[in-house]
């Protein structure tokens, strides 16, 4: 319960999409703007 598993990602322009599965019953996608992520 309350667990998500990242299944992959895609970079489209300045956006990053992270695909995930949750509790073996649902799938979803989270979208981020690269300017809010710190890369070292």
PDB file of N, CA and C in Angstrom:
ATOM      1  N   UNK A   1       0.826  -1.209   0.000  1.00  0.00           N
ATOM      2  CA  UNK A   1       0.000   0.000   0.000  1.00  0.00           C
ATOM      3  C   UNK A   1       0.862   1.262   0.000  1.00  0.00           C
ATOM      4  N   UNK A   2       0.382   2.291  -0.661  1.00  0.00           N
ATOM      5  CA  UNK A   2       1.059   3.590  -0.711  1.00  0.00           C
ATOM      6  C   UNK A   2       2.484   3.499  -1.256  1.00  0.00           C
ATOM      7  N   UNK A   3       2.667   2.685  -2.275  1.00  0.00           N
ATOM      8  CA  UNK A   3       3.982   2.512  -2.887  1.00  0.00           C
ATOM      9  C   UNK A   3       3.866   2.785  -4.375  1.00  0.00           C
ATOM     10  N   UNK A   4       4.833   3.517  -4.926  1.00  0.00           N
ATOM     11  CA  UNK A   4       4.887   3.723  -6.374  1.00  0.00           C
ATOM     12  C   UNK A   4       6.249   3.269  -6.876  1.00  0.00           C
ATOM     13  N   UNK A   5       6.274   2.786  -8.113  1.00  0.00           N
ATOM     14  CA  UNK A   5       7.498   2.295  -8.728  1.00  0.00           C
ATOM     15  C   UNK A   5       7.715   3.022 -10.045  1.00  0.00           C
ATOM     16  N   UNK A   6       8.855   3.689 -10.173  1.00  0.00           N
ATOM     17  CA  UNK A   6       9.179   4.368 -11.425  1.00  0.00           C
ATOM     18  C   UNK A   6       9.441   3.326 -12.502  1.00  0.00           C
ATOM     19  N   UNK A   7       8.818   3.509 -13.653  1.00  0.00           N
ATOM     20  CA  UNK A   7       8.950   2.547 -14.754  1.00  0.00           C
ATOM     21  C   UNK A   7       9.726   3.113 -15.930  1.00  0.00           C
ATOM     22  N   UNK A   8       9.944   4.410 -15.960  1.00  0.00           N
ATOM     23  CA  UNK A   8      10.674   5.008 -17.072  1.00  0.00           C
ATOM     24  C   UNK A   8      10.510   6.506 -17.069  1.00  0.00           C
ATOM     25  N   UNK A   9      11.255   7.145 -17.951  1.00  0.00           N
ATOM     26  CA  UNK A   9      11.161   8.598 -18.057  1.00  0.00           C
ATOM     27  C   UNK A   9      11.380   9.024 -19.489  1.00  0.00           C
ATOM     28  N   UNK A  10      10.923  10.228 -19.789  1.00  0.00           N
ATOM     29  CA  UNK A  10      11.114  10.809 -21.116  1.00  0.00           C
ATOM     30  C   UNK A  10      11.397  12.289 -20.945  1.00  0.00           C
ATOM     31  N   UNK A  11      12.335  12.802 -21.730  1.00  0.00           N
ATOM     32  CA  UNK A  11      12.616  14.234 -21.757  1.00  0.00           C
ATOM     33  C   UNK A  11      12.013  14.807 -23.024  1.00  0.00           C
ATOM     34  N   UNK A  12      11.152  15.786 -22.864  1.00  0.00           N
ATOM     35  CA  UNK A  12      10.520  16.454 -23.996  1.00  0.00           C
ATOM     36  C   UNK A  12      10.718  17.951 -23.801  1.00  0.00           C
ATOM     37  N   UNK A  13      11.647  18.505 -24.562  1.00  0.00           N
ATOM     38  CA  UNK A  13      11.961  19.923 -24.405  1.00  0.00           C
ATOM     39  C   UNK A  13      12.503  20.202 -23.017  1.00  0.00           C
ATOM     40  N   UNK A  14      11.885  21.127 -22.298  1.00  0.00           N
ATOM     41  CA  UNK A  14      12.301  21.477 -20.939  1.00  0.00           C
ATOM     42  C   UNK A  14      11.535  20.697 -19.879  1.00  0.00           C
ATOM     43  N   UNK A  15      10.828  19.656 -20.278  1.00  0.00           N
ATOM     44  CA  UNK A  15      10.008  18.883 -19.348  1.00  0.00           C
ATOM     45  C   UNK A  15      10.564  17.475 -19.185  1.00  0.00           C
ATOM     46  N   UNK A  16      10.387  16.899 -18.010  1.00  0.00           N
ATOM     47  CA  UNK A  16      10.714  15.501 -17.755  1.00  0.00           C
ATOM     48  C   UNK A  16       9.431  14.814 -17.313  1.00  0.00           C
ATOM     49  N   UNK A  17       9.098  13.724 -17.975  1.00  0.00           N
ATOM     50  CA  UNK A  17       7.930  12.932 -17.610  1.00  0.00           C
ATOM     51  C   UNK A  17       8.414  11.633 -16.980  1.00  0.00           C
ATOM     52  N   UNK A  18       7.914  11.306 -15.795  1.00  0.00           N
ATOM     53  CA  UNK A  18       8.282  10.079 -15.098  1.00  0.00           C
ATOM     54  C   UNK A  18       7.032   9.212 -15.007  1.00  0.00           C
ATOM     55  N   UNK A  19       7.111   8.041 -15.603  1.00  0.00           N
ATOM     56  CA  UNK A  19       5.990   7.105 -15.596  1.00  0.00           C
ATOM     57  C   UNK A  19       6.149   6.161 -14.418  1.00  0.00           C
ATOM     58  N   UNK A  20       5.038   5.831 -13.757  1.00  0.00           N
ATOM     59  CA  UNK A  20       5.119   4.998 -12.558  1.00  0.00           C
ATOM     60  C   UNK A  20       3.895   4.106 -12.431  1.00  0.00           C
ATOM     61  N   UNK A  21       4.064   3.041 -11.660  1.00  0.00           N
ATOM     62  CA  UNK A  21       2.959   2.153 -11.321  1.00  0.00           C
ATOM     63  C   UNK A  21       2.741   2.229  -9.823  1.00  0.00           C
ATOM     64  N   UNK A  22       1.501   2.101  -9.398  1.00  0.00           N
ATOM     65  CA  UNK A  22       1.183   2.184  -7.979  1.00  0.00           C
ATOM     66  C   UNK A  22       0.404   0.980  -7.492  1.00  0.00           C
ATOM     67  N   UNK A  23       0.951   0.308  -6.474  1.00  0.00           N
ATOM     68  CA  UNK A  23       0.281  -0.801  -5.789  1.00  0.00           C
ATOM     69  C   UNK A  23      -0.202  -1.887  -6.748  1.00  0.00           C
ATOM     70  N   UNK A  24       0.506  -2.072  -7.851  1.00  0.00           N
ATOM     71  CA  UNK A  24       0.161  -3.095  -8.852  1.00  0.00           C
ATOM     72  C   UNK A  24      -1.250  -2.954  -9.407  1.00  0.00           C
ATOM     73  N   UNK A  25      -1.843  -1.753  -9.295  1.00  0.00           N
ATOM     74  CA  UNK A  25      -3.219  -1.590  -9.778  1.00  0.00           C
ATOM     75  C   UNK A  25      -3.421  -0.385 -10.688  1.00  0.00           C
ATOM     76  N   UNK A  26      -2.533   0.603 -10.631  1.00  0.00           N
ATOM     77  CA  UNK A  26      -2.714   1.818 -11.430  1.00  0.00           C
ATOM     78  C   UNK A  26      -1.386   2.230 -12.060  1.00  0.00           C
ATOM     79  N   UNK A  27      -1.480   3.045 -13.124  1.00  0.00           N
ATOM     80  CA  UNK A  27      -0.292   3.650 -13.716  1.00  0.00           C
ATOM     81  C   UNK A  27      -0.514   5.154 -13.782  1.00  0.00           C
ATOM     82  N   UNK A  28       0.570   5.895 -13.794  1.00  0.00           N
ATOM     83  CA  UNK A  28       0.433   7.347 -13.857  1.00  0.00           C
ATOM     84  C   UNK A  28       1.683   7.968 -14.437  1.00  0.00           C
ATOM     85  N   UNK A  29       1.632   9.274 -14.580  1.00  0.00           N
ATOM     86  CA  UNK A  29       2.790  10.022 -15.066  1.00  0.00           C
ATOM     87  C   UNK A  29       2.902  11.316 -14.264  1.00  0.00           C
ATOM     88  N   UNK A  30       4.126  11.637 -13.853  1.00  0.00           N
ATOM     89  CA  UNK A  30       4.408  12.902 -13.178  1.00  0.00           C
ATOM     90  C   UNK A  30       5.223  13.753 -14.143  1.00  0.00           C
ATOM     91  N   UNK A  31       4.942  15.044 -14.180  1.00  0.00           N
ATOM     92  CA  UNK A  31       5.615  15.939 -15.120  1.00  0.00           C
ATOM     93  C   UNK A  31       6.343  17.028 -14.341  1.00  0.00           C
ATOM     94  N   UNK A  32       7.612  17.259 -14.698  1.00  0.00           N
ATOM     95  CA  UNK A  32       8.446  18.243 -14.024  1.00  0.00           C
ATOM     96  C   UNK A  32       9.056  19.187 -15.039  1.00  0.00           C
ATOM     97  N   UNK A  33       9.255  20.417 -14.650  1.00  0.00           N
ATOM     98  CA  UNK A  33      10.002  21.373 -15.457  1.00  0.00           C
ATOM     99  C   UNK A  33      11.462  21.284 -15.016  1.00  0.00           C
ATOM    100  N   UNK A  34      12.380  21.145 -15.952  1.00  0.00           N
ATOM    101  CA  UNK A  34      13.798  20.979 -15.626  1.00  0.00           C
ATOM    102  C   UNK A  34      14.352  22.121 -14.785  1.00  0.00           C
ATOM    103  N   UNK A  35      13.811  23.319 -14.911  1.00  0.00           N
ATOM    104  CA  UNK A  35      14.375  24.453 -14.169  1.00  0.00           C
ATOM    105  C   UNK A  35      14.191  24.316 -12.661  1.00  0.00           C
ATOM    106  N   UNK A  36      13.327  23.413 -12.207  1.00  0.00           N
ATOM    107  CA  UNK A  36      13.110  23.211 -10.781  1.00  0.00           C
ATOM    108  C   UNK A  36      13.898  22.031 -10.223  1.00  0.00           C
ATOM    109  N   UNK A  37      14.707  21.382 -11.066  1.00  0.00           N
ATOM    110  CA  UNK A  37      15.486  20.227 -10.640  1.00  0.00           C
ATOM    111  C   UNK A  37      16.959  20.602 -10.661  1.00  0.00           C
ATOM    112  N   UNK A  38      17.674  20.269  -9.588  1.00  0.00           N
ATOM    113  CA  UNK A  38      19.097  20.585  -9.507  1.00  0.00           C
ATOM    114  C   UNK A  38      19.901  19.412 -10.064  1.00  0.00           C
ATOM    115  N   UNK A  39      20.704  19.686 -11.087  1.00  0.00           N
ATOM    116  CA  UNK A  39      21.592  18.692 -11.676  1.00  0.00           C
ATOM    117  C   UNK A  39      23.023  19.025 -11.265  1.00  0.00           C
ATOM    118  N   UNK A  40      23.749  18.051 -10.753  1.00  0.00           N
ATOM    119  CA  UNK A  40      25.160  18.255 -10.368  1.00  0.00           C
ATOM    120  C   UNK A  40      26.075  17.574 -11.348  1.00  0.00           C
TER     121      UNK A  40
END
